[in-house]
PDB file of N, CA and C in Angstrom:
ATOM      1  N   MET A   1     158.418  67.858  28.962  1.00  0.00           N
ATOM      2  CA  MET A   1     159.445  66.876  28.646  1.00  0.00           C
ATOM      3  C   MET A   1     159.480  66.704  27.129  1.00  0.00           C
ATOM      4  N   SER A   2     160.658  66.747  26.553  1.00  0.00           N
ATOM      5  CA  SER A   2     160.776  66.590  25.106  1.00  0.00           C
ATOM      6  C   SER A   2     160.507  65.143  24.703  1.00  0.00           C
ATOM      7  N   ARG A   3     160.208  64.962  23.462  1.00  0.00           N
ATOM      8  CA  ARG A   3     159.909  63.619  22.958  1.00  0.00           C
ATOM      9  C   ARG A   3     161.127  62.697  23.103  1.00  0.00           C
ATOM     10  N   ALA A   4     162.314  63.213  22.811  1.00  0.00           N
ATOM     11  CA  ALA A   4     163.535  62.411  22.925  1.00  0.00           C
ATOM     12  C   ALA A   4     163.789  61.994  24.373  1.00  0.00           C
ATOM     13  N   ALA A   5     163.570  62.902  25.301  1.00  0.00           N
ATOM     14  CA  ALA A   5     163.759  62.578  26.719  1.00  0.00           C
ATOM     15  C   ALA A   5     162.743  61.532  27.167  1.00  0.00           C
ATOM     16  N   PHE A   6     161.525  61.646  26.684  1.00  0.00           N
ATOM     17  CA  PHE A   6     160.483  60.684  27.039  1.00  0.00           C
ATOM     18  C   PHE A   6     160.841  59.291  26.523  1.00  0.00           C
ATOM     19  N   ILE A   7     161.278  59.210  25.274  1.00  0.00           N
ATOM     20  CA  ILE A   7     161.651  57.916  24.695  1.00  0.00           C
ATOM     21  C   ILE A   7     162.845  57.323  25.430  1.00  0.00           C
ATOM     22  N   THR A   8     163.807  58.149  25.776  1.00  0.00           N
ATOM     23  CA  THR A   8     164.971  57.678  26.533  1.00  0.00           C
ATOM     24  C   THR A   8     164.552  57.136  27.890  1.00  0.00           C
ATOM     25  N   ALA A   9     163.650  57.828  28.571  1.00  0.00           N
ATOM     26  CA  ALA A   9     163.166  57.373  29.872  1.00  0.00           C
ATOM     27  C   ALA A   9     162.449  56.034  29.756  1.00  0.00           C
ATOM     28  N   ILE A  10     161.638  55.873  28.729  1.00  0.00           N
ATOM     29  CA  ILE A  10     160.924  54.605  28.521  1.00  0.00           C
ATOM     30  C   ILE A  10     161.919  53.479  28.250  1.00  0.00           C
ATOM     31  N   LEU A  11     162.934  53.727  27.435  1.00  0.00           N
ATOM     32  CA  LEU A  11     163.937  52.704  27.150  1.00  0.00           C
ATOM     33  C   LEU A  11     164.710  52.298  28.403  1.00  0.00           C
ATOM     34  N   LEU A  12     165.047  53.269  29.225  1.00  0.00           N
ATOM     35  CA  LEU A  12     165.763  52.961  30.465  1.00  0.00           C
ATOM     36  C   LEU A  12     164.903  52.138  31.409  1.00  0.00           C
ATOM     37  N   LEU A  13     163.646  52.466  31.516  1.00  0.00           N
ATOM     38  CA  LEU A  13     162.741  51.698  32.376  1.00  0.00           C
ATOM     39  C   LEU A  13     162.567  50.281  31.852  1.00  0.00           C
ATOM     40  N   THR A  14     162.485  50.124  30.560  1.00  0.00           N
ATOM     41  CA  THR A  14     162.341  48.804  29.968  1.00  0.00           C
ATOM     42  C   THR A  14     163.570  47.949  30.246  1.00  0.00           C
ATOM     43  N   CYS A  15     164.745  48.524  30.128  1.00  0.00           N
ATOM     44  CA  CYS A  15     165.985  47.780  30.383  1.00  0.00           C
ATOM     45  C   CYS A  15     166.105  47.400  31.851  1.00  0.00           C
ATOM     46  N   ALA A  16     165.667  48.262  32.742  1.00  0.00           N
ATOM     47  CA  ALA A  16     165.784  48.005  34.179  1.00  0.00           C
ATOM     48  C   ALA A  16     164.870  46.879  34.625  1.00  0.00           C
ATOM     49  N   CYS A  17     163.814  46.634  33.871  1.00  0.00           N
ATOM     50  CA  CYS A  17     162.830  45.620  34.264  1.00  0.00           C
ATOM     51  C   CYS A  17     162.962  44.353  33.436  1.00  0.00           C
ATOM     52  N   ALA A  18     164.133  44.071  32.927  1.00  0.00           N
ATOM     53  CA  ALA A  18     164.326  42.897  32.083  1.00  0.00           C
ATOM     54  C   ALA A  18     163.997  41.631  32.867  1.00  0.00           C
ATOM     55  N   THR A  19     163.289  40.744  32.212  1.00  0.00           N
ATOM     56  CA  THR A  19     162.903  39.490  32.842  1.00  0.00           C
ATOM     57  C   THR A  19     164.019  38.479  32.682  1.00  0.00           C
ATOM     58  N   ALA A  20     164.368  37.829  33.759  1.00  0.00           N
ATOM     59  CA  ALA A  20     165.408  36.800  33.714  1.00  0.00           C
ATOM     60  C   ALA A  20     164.877  35.598  32.945  1.00  0.00           C
ATOM     61  N   GLN A  21     165.748  34.979  32.177  1.00  0.00           N
ATOM     62  CA  GLN A  21     165.344  33.794  31.436  1.00  0.00           C
ATOM     63  C   GLN A  21     166.053  32.579  31.998  1.00  0.00           C
ATOM     64  N   LEU A  22     165.449  31.436  31.812  1.00  0.00           N
ATOM     65  CA  LEU A  22     166.084  30.183  32.204  1.00  0.00           C
ATOM     66  C   LEU A  22     166.983  29.754  31.052  1.00  0.00           C
ATOM     67  N   HIS A  23     168.275  29.692  31.297  1.00  0.00           N
ATOM     68  CA  HIS A  23     169.242  29.351  30.263  1.00  0.00           C
ATOM     69  C   HIS A  23     169.354  27.840  30.120  1.00  0.00           C
ATOM     70  N   THR A  24     169.720  27.403  28.935  1.00  0.00           N
ATOM     71  CA  THR A  24     169.859  25.970  28.685  1.00  0.00           C
ATOM     72  C   THR A  24     171.136  25.443  29.339  1.00  0.00           C
ATOM     73  N   GLU A  25     171.192  24.145  29.488  1.00  0.00           N
ATOM     74  CA  GLU A  25     172.382  23.517  30.063  1.00  0.00           C
ATOM     75  C   GLU A  25     173.606  23.793  29.189  1.00  0.00           C
ATOM     76  N   ASP A  26     173.409  23.809  27.874  1.00  0.00           N
ATOM     77  CA  ASP A  26     174.522  24.109  26.962  1.00  0.00           C
ATOM     78  C   ASP A  26     175.034  25.536  27.162  1.00  0.00           C
ATOM     79  N   GLN A  27     174.131  26.493  27.352  1.00  0.00           N
ATOM     80  CA  GLN A  27     174.545  27.875  27.591  1.00  0.00           C
ATOM     81  C   GLN A  27     175.333  27.986  28.886  1.00  0.00           C
ATOM     82  N   LEU A  28     174.847  27.345  29.937  1.00  0.00           N
ATOM     83  CA  LEU A  28     175.516  27.407  31.236  1.00  0.00           C
ATOM     84  C   LEU A  28     176.871  26.703  31.189  1.00  0.00           C
ATOM     85  N   ASN A  29     176.947  25.586  30.475  1.00  0.00           N
ATOM     86  CA  ASN A  29     178.232  24.891  30.336  1.00  0.00           C
ATOM     87  C   ASN A  29     179.218  25.723  29.521  1.00  0.00           C
ATOM     88  N   SER A  30     178.717  26.465  28.554  1.00  0.00           N
ATOM     89  CA  SER A  30     179.571  27.354  27.772  1.00  0.00           C
ATOM     90  C   SER A  30     180.154  28.455  28.651  1.00  0.00           C
ATOM     91  N   VAL A  31     179.332  29.010  29.542  1.00  0.00           N
ATOM     92  CA  VAL A  31     179.806  30.017  30.490  1.00  0.00           C
ATOM     93  C   VAL A  31     180.867  29.406  31.397  1.00  0.00           C
ATOM     94  N   ALA A  32     180.575  28.218  31.931  1.00  0.00           N
ATOM     95  CA  ALA A  32     181.527  27.552  32.823  1.00  0.00           C
ATOM     96  C   ALA A  32     182.871  27.368  32.130  1.00  0.00           C
ATOM     97  N   GLN A  33     182.851  26.842  30.916  1.00  0.00           N
ATOM     98  CA  GLN A  33     184.102  26.590  30.204  1.00  0.00           C
ATOM     99  C   GLN A  33     184.840  27.883  29.872  1.00  0.00           C
ATOM    100  N   SER A  34     184.102  28.921  29.476  1.00  0.00           N
ATOM    101  CA  SER A  34     184.769  30.178  29.146  1.00  0.00           C
ATOM    102  C   SER A  34     185.374  30.844  30.379  1.00  0.00           C
ATOM    103  N   CYS A  35     184.878  30.483  31.565  1.00  0.00           N
ATOM    104  CA  CYS A  35     185.410  31.038  32.817  1.00  0.00           C
ATOM    105  C   CYS A  35     186.419  30.099  33.480  1.00  0.00           C
ATOM    106  N   GLY A  36     186.792  29.023  32.797  1.00  0.00           N
ATOM    107  CA  GLY A  36     187.785  28.096  33.333  1.00  0.00           C
ATOM    108  C   GLY A  36     187.242  27.129  34.361  1.00  0.00           C
ATOM    109  N   LEU A  37     185.928  26.907  34.331  1.00  0.00           N
ATOM    110  CA  LEU A  37     185.295  26.003  35.292  1.00  0.00           C
ATOM    111  C   LEU A  37     184.948  24.677  34.609  1.00  0.00           C
ATOM    112  N   SER A  38     184.543  23.713  35.397  1.00  0.00           N
ATOM    113  CA  SER A  38     184.122  22.418  34.872  1.00  0.00           C
ATOM    114  C   SER A  38     182.661  22.458  34.469  1.00  0.00           C
ATOM    115  N   LEU A  39     182.289  21.537  33.586  1.00  0.00           N
ATOM    116  CA  LEU A  39     180.890  21.415  33.211  1.00  0.00           C
ATOM    117  C   LEU A  39     180.059  21.122  34.464  1.00  0.00           C
ATOM    118  N   GLY A  40     178.954  21.795  34.611  1.00  0.00           N
ATOM    119  CA  GLY A  40     178.087  21.572  35.766  1.00  0.00           C
ATOM    120  C   GLY A  40     178.367  22.479  36.948  1.00  0.00           C
ATOM    121  N   ASP A  41     179.439  23.278  36.904  1.00  0.00           N
ATOM    122  CA  ASP A  41     179.742  24.178  38.016  1.00  0.00           C
ATOM    123  C   ASP A  41     178.810  25.384  38.052  1.00  0.00           C
ATOM    124  N   VAL A  42     178.237  25.742  36.904  1.00  0.00           N
ATOM    125  CA  VAL A  42     177.321  26.884  36.813  1.00  0.00           C
ATOM    126  C   VAL A  42     175.939  26.338  36.496  1.00  0.00           C
ATOM    127  N   MET A  43     174.944  26.732  37.294  1.00  0.00           N
ATOM    128  CA  MET A  43     173.592  26.205  37.082  1.00  0.00           C
ATOM    129  C   MET A  43     172.519  27.198  37.498  1.00  0.00           C
ATOM    130  N   GLN A  44     171.311  26.929  37.027  1.00  0.00           N
ATOM    131  CA  GLN A  44     170.125  27.701  37.381  1.00  0.00           C
ATOM    132  C   GLN A  44     169.058  26.730  37.824  1.00  0.00           C
ATOM    133  N   ASP A  45     168.128  27.224  38.636  1.00  0.00           N
ATOM    134  CA  ASP A  45     166.985  26.428  39.065  1.00  0.00           C
ATOM    135  C   ASP A  45     165.732  27.075  38.484  1.00  0.00           C
ATOM    136  N   ASP A  46     164.879  26.271  37.883  1.00  0.00           N
ATOM    137  CA  ASP A  46     163.696  26.841  37.231  1.00  0.00           C
ATOM    138  C   ASP A  46     162.717  27.475  38.211  1.00  0.00           C
ATOM    139  N   SER A  47     162.849  27.183  39.501  1.00  0.00           N
ATOM    140  CA  SER A  47     161.943  27.796  40.477  1.00  0.00           C
ATOM    141  C   SER A  47     162.338  29.241  40.795  1.00  0.00           C
ATOM    142  N   GLU A  48     163.596  29.607  40.512  1.00  0.00           N
ATOM    143  CA  GLU A  48     164.056  30.985  40.740  1.00  0.00           C
ATOM    144  C   GLU A  48     165.019  31.367  39.624  1.00  0.00           C
ATOM    145  N   LYS A  49     164.462  31.830  38.517  1.00  0.00           N
ATOM    146  CA  LYS A  49     165.237  32.109  37.317  1.00  0.00           C
ATOM    147  C   LYS A  49     166.220  33.264  37.469  1.00  0.00           C
ATOM    148  N   ARG A  50     166.010  34.113  38.464  1.00  0.00           N
ATOM    149  CA  ARG A  50     166.887  35.284  38.627  1.00  0.00           C
ATOM    150  C   ARG A  50     168.212  34.949  39.279  1.00  0.00           C
ATOM    151  N   LEU A  51     168.372  33.728  39.764  1.00  0.00           N
ATOM    152  CA  LEU A  51     169.606  33.336  40.446  1.00  0.00           C
ATOM    153  C   LEU A  51     170.463  32.452  39.558  1.00  0.00           C
ATOM    154  N   LEU A  52     171.762  32.692  39.589  1.00  0.00           N
ATOM    155  CA  LEU A  52     172.732  31.861  38.900  1.00  0.00           C
ATOM    156  C   LEU A  52     173.660  31.301  39.976  1.00  0.00           C
ATOM    157  N   PHE A  53     173.792  29.999  40.017  1.00  0.00           N
ATOM    158  CA  PHE A  53     174.589  29.342  41.053  1.00  0.00           C
ATOM    159  C   PHE A  53     175.951  28.930  40.511  1.00  0.00           C
ATOM    160  N   LEU A  54     176.984  29.241  41.272  1.00  0.00           N
ATOM    161  CA  LEU A  54     178.338  28.760  41.013  1.00  0.00           C
ATOM    162  C   LEU A  54     178.676  27.823  42.164  1.00  0.00           C
ATOM    163  N   MET A  55     178.777  26.537  41.865  1.00  0.00           N
ATOM    164  CA  MET A  55     179.058  25.536  42.895  1.00  0.00           C
ATOM    165  C   MET A  55     180.426  24.926  42.630  1.00  0.00           C
ATOM    166  N   LYS A  56     181.381  25.286  43.493  1.00  0.00           N
ATOM    167  CA  LYS A  56     182.749  24.796  43.335  1.00  0.00           C
ATOM    168  C   LYS A  56     183.471  24.910  44.664  1.00  0.00           C
ATOM    169  N   SER A  57     184.449  24.062  44.847  1.00  0.00           N
ATOM    170  CA  SER A  57     185.288  24.143  46.027  1.00  0.00           C
ATOM    171  C   SER A  57     186.315  25.246  45.813  1.00  0.00           C
ATOM    172  N   ALA A  58     186.228  26.287  46.601  1.00  0.00           N
ATOM    173  CA  ALA A  58     187.155  27.422  46.582  1.00  0.00           C
ATOM    174  C   ALA A  58     187.384  27.997  45.186  1.00  0.00           C
ATOM    175  N   PRO A  59     186.343  28.561  44.562  1.00  0.00           N
ATOM    176  CA  PRO A  59     186.555  29.179  43.244  1.00  0.00           C
ATOM    177  C   PRO A  59     187.496  30.382  43.365  1.00  0.00           C
ATOM    178  N   SER A  60     188.324  30.564  42.359  1.00  0.00           N
ATOM    179  CA  SER A  60     189.281  31.678  42.396  1.00  0.00           C
ATOM    180  C   SER A  60     188.550  33.004  42.175  1.00  0.00           C
ATOM    181  N   ALA A  61     189.226  34.085  42.497  1.00  0.00           N
ATOM    182  CA  ALA A  61     188.640  35.418  42.295  1.00  0.00           C
ATOM    183  C   ALA A  61     188.334  35.650  40.818  1.00  0.00           C
ATOM    184  N   GLU A  62     189.204  35.171  39.930  1.00  0.00           N
ATOM    185  CA  GLU A  62     188.991  35.329  38.493  1.00  0.00           C
ATOM    186  C   GLU A  62     187.767  34.554  38.033  1.00  0.00           C
ATOM    187  N   GLU A  63     187.596  33.340  38.536  1.00  0.00           N
ATOM    188  CA  GLU A  63     186.421  32.530  38.175  1.00  0.00           C
ATOM    189  C   GLU A  63     185.146  33.198  38.654  1.00  0.00           C
ATOM    190  N   ARG A  64     185.161  33.668  39.908  1.00  0.00           N
ATOM    191  CA  ARG A  64     183.976  34.345  40.451  1.00  0.00           C
ATOM    192  C   ARG A  64     183.648  35.590  39.647  1.00  0.00           C
ATOM    193  N   ALA A  65     184.658  36.386  39.325  1.00  0.00           N
ATOM    194  CA  ALA A  65     184.442  37.633  38.575  1.00  0.00           C
ATOM    195  C   ALA A  65     183.905  37.347  37.181  1.00  0.00           C
ATOM    196  N   CYS A  66     184.435  36.341  36.524  1.00  0.00           N
ATOM    197  CA  CYS A  66     183.992  35.983  35.179  1.00  0.00           C
ATOM    198  C   CYS A  66     182.510  35.601  35.182  1.00  0.00           C
ATOM    199  N   VAL A  67     182.117  34.733  36.095  1.00  0.00           N
ATOM    200  CA  VAL A  67     180.716  34.305  36.166  1.00  0.00           C
ATOM    201  C   VAL A  67     179.833  35.464  36.612  1.00  0.00           C
ATOM    202  N   TYR A  68     180.323  36.288  37.538  1.00  0.00           N
ATOM    203  CA  TYR A  68     179.553  37.447  37.986  1.00  0.00           C
ATOM    204  C   TYR A  68     179.237  38.384  36.816  1.00  0.00           C
ATOM    205  N   HIS A  69     180.233  38.666  35.994  1.00  0.00           N
ATOM    206  CA  HIS A  69     180.021  39.583  34.868  1.00  0.00           C
ATOM    207  C   HIS A  69     179.001  39.022  33.880  1.00  0.00           C
ATOM    208  N   TRP A  70     179.054  37.717  33.621  1.00  0.00           N
ATOM    209  CA  TRP A  70     178.070  37.106  32.726  1.00  0.00           C
ATOM    210  C   TRP A  70     176.680  37.188  33.353  1.00  0.00           C
ATOM    211  N   ALA A  71     176.595  36.889  34.646  1.00  0.00           N
ATOM    212  CA  ALA A  71     175.300  36.962  35.338  1.00  0.00           C
ATOM    213  C   ALA A  71     174.740  38.377  35.279  1.00  0.00           C
ATOM    214  N   HIS A  72     175.587  39.349  35.532  1.00  0.00           N
ATOM    215  CA  HIS A  72     175.152  40.749  35.528  1.00  0.00           C
ATOM    216  C   HIS A  72     174.645  41.164  34.145  1.00  0.00           C
ATOM    217  N   ARG A  73     175.354  40.772  33.103  1.00  0.00           N
ATOM    218  CA  ARG A  73     174.922  41.095  31.730  1.00  0.00           C
ATOM    219  C   ARG A  73     173.578  40.451  31.395  1.00  0.00           C
ATOM    220  N   ASN A  74     173.256  39.350  32.057  1.00  0.00           N
ATOM    221  CA  ASN A  74     172.022  38.620  31.787  1.00  0.00           C
ATOM    222  C   ASN A  74     170.958  38.846  32.863  1.00  0.00           C
ATOM    223  N   HIS A  75     171.137  39.888  33.659  1.00  0.00           N
ATOM    224  CA  HIS A  75     170.158  40.300  34.684  1.00  0.00           C
ATOM    225  C   HIS A  75     169.912  39.203  35.724  1.00  0.00           C
ATOM    226  N   LEU A  76     170.987  38.537  36.139  1.00  0.00           N
ATOM    227  CA  LEU A  76     170.903  37.483  37.144  1.00  0.00           C
ATOM    228  C   LEU A  76     171.723  37.861  38.367  1.00  0.00           C
ATOM    229  N   HIS A  77     171.373  37.268  39.496  1.00  0.00           N
ATOM    230  CA  HIS A  77     172.122  37.451  40.738  1.00  0.00           C
ATOM    231  C   HIS A  77     172.966  36.194  40.958  1.00  0.00           C
ATOM    232  N   LEU A  78     174.257  36.388  41.169  1.00  0.00           N
ATOM    233  CA  LEU A  78     175.158  35.258  41.362  1.00  0.00           C
ATOM    234  C   LEU A  78     175.123  34.796  42.820  1.00  0.00           C
ATOM    235  N   VAL A  79     174.964  33.489  42.992  1.00  0.00           N
ATOM    236  CA  VAL A  79     175.027  32.860  44.312  1.00  0.00           C
ATOM    237  C   VAL A  79     176.197  31.887  44.268  1.00  0.00           C
ATOM    238  N   ILE A  80     177.178  32.093  45.144  1.00  0.00           N
ATOM    239  CA  ILE A  80     178.343  31.227  45.174  1.00  0.00           C
ATOM    240  C   ILE A  80     178.182  30.237  46.313  1.00  0.00           C
ATOM    241  N   ILE A  81     178.249  28.958  45.971  1.00  0.00           N
ATOM    242  CA  ILE A  81     178.155  27.892  46.961  1.00  0.00           C
ATOM    243  C   ILE A  81     179.514  27.206  47.005  1.00  0.00           C
ATOM    244  N   ASN A  82     180.222  27.407  48.103  1.00  0.00           N
ATOM    245  CA  ASN A  82     181.554  26.811  48.258  1.00  0.00           C
ATOM    246  C   ASN A  82     181.384  25.381  48.770  1.00  0.00           C
ATOM    247  N   ILE A  83     181.686  24.440  47.917  1.00  0.00           N
ATOM    248  CA  ILE A  83     181.539  23.018  48.247  1.00  0.00           C
ATOM    249  C   ILE A  83     182.731  22.612  49.115  1.00  0.00           C
ATOM    250  N   ALA A  84     182.450  22.016  50.264  1.00  0.00           N
ATOM    251  CA  ALA A  84     183.525  21.544  51.148  1.00  0.00           C
ATOM    252  C   ALA A  84     184.228  20.381  50.471  1.00  0.00           C
ATOM    253  N   ASN A  85     185.548  20.463  50.430  1.00  0.00           N
ATOM    254  CA  ASN A  85     186.339  19.423  49.776  1.00  0.00           C
ATOM    255  C   ASN A  85     187.085  18.665  50.866  1.00  0.00           C
ATOM    256  N   GLY A  86     186.628  17.496  51.170  1.00  0.00           N
ATOM    257  CA  GLY A  86     187.266  16.680  52.191  1.00  0.00           C
ATOM    258  C   GLY A  86     186.384  15.503  52.530  1.00  0.00           C
ATOM    259  N   SER A  87     186.949  14.537  53.169  1.00  0.00           N
ATOM    260  CA  SER A  87     186.175  13.361  53.531  1.00  0.00           C
ATOM    261  C   SER A  87     186.053  13.273  55.039  1.00  0.00           C
ATOM    262  N   ALA A  88     184.944  12.716  55.466  1.00  0.00           N
ATOM    263  CA  ALA A  88     184.735  12.520  56.900  1.00  0.00           C
ATOM    264  C   ALA A  88     185.517  11.291  57.337  1.00  0.00           C
ATOM    265  N   SER A  89     186.187  11.409  58.472  1.00  0.00           N
ATOM    266  CA  SER A  89     186.927  10.249  58.950  1.00  0.00           C
ATOM    267  C   SER A  89     186.476   9.853  60.332  1.00  0.00           C
TER     268      SER A  89
END
């Protein structure tokens, strides 16, 4: 194996094993706003840093895709929680 191929393989392995980080509330709110969501719609739980939660009543395909792409770039798995919108009578 050539030296260049070896270095490339090591770099690829390093990128594949990126550790998820816990993002700040400001970072998550920035993502929410840039995706057309309300503050607090995007969140993380410190017990499972690899998951990014989108909690909204019927998020649009564009909103889901926007948050998904950010999650993917940051090595996170998107979990969509569709909040029921209605009152009990």
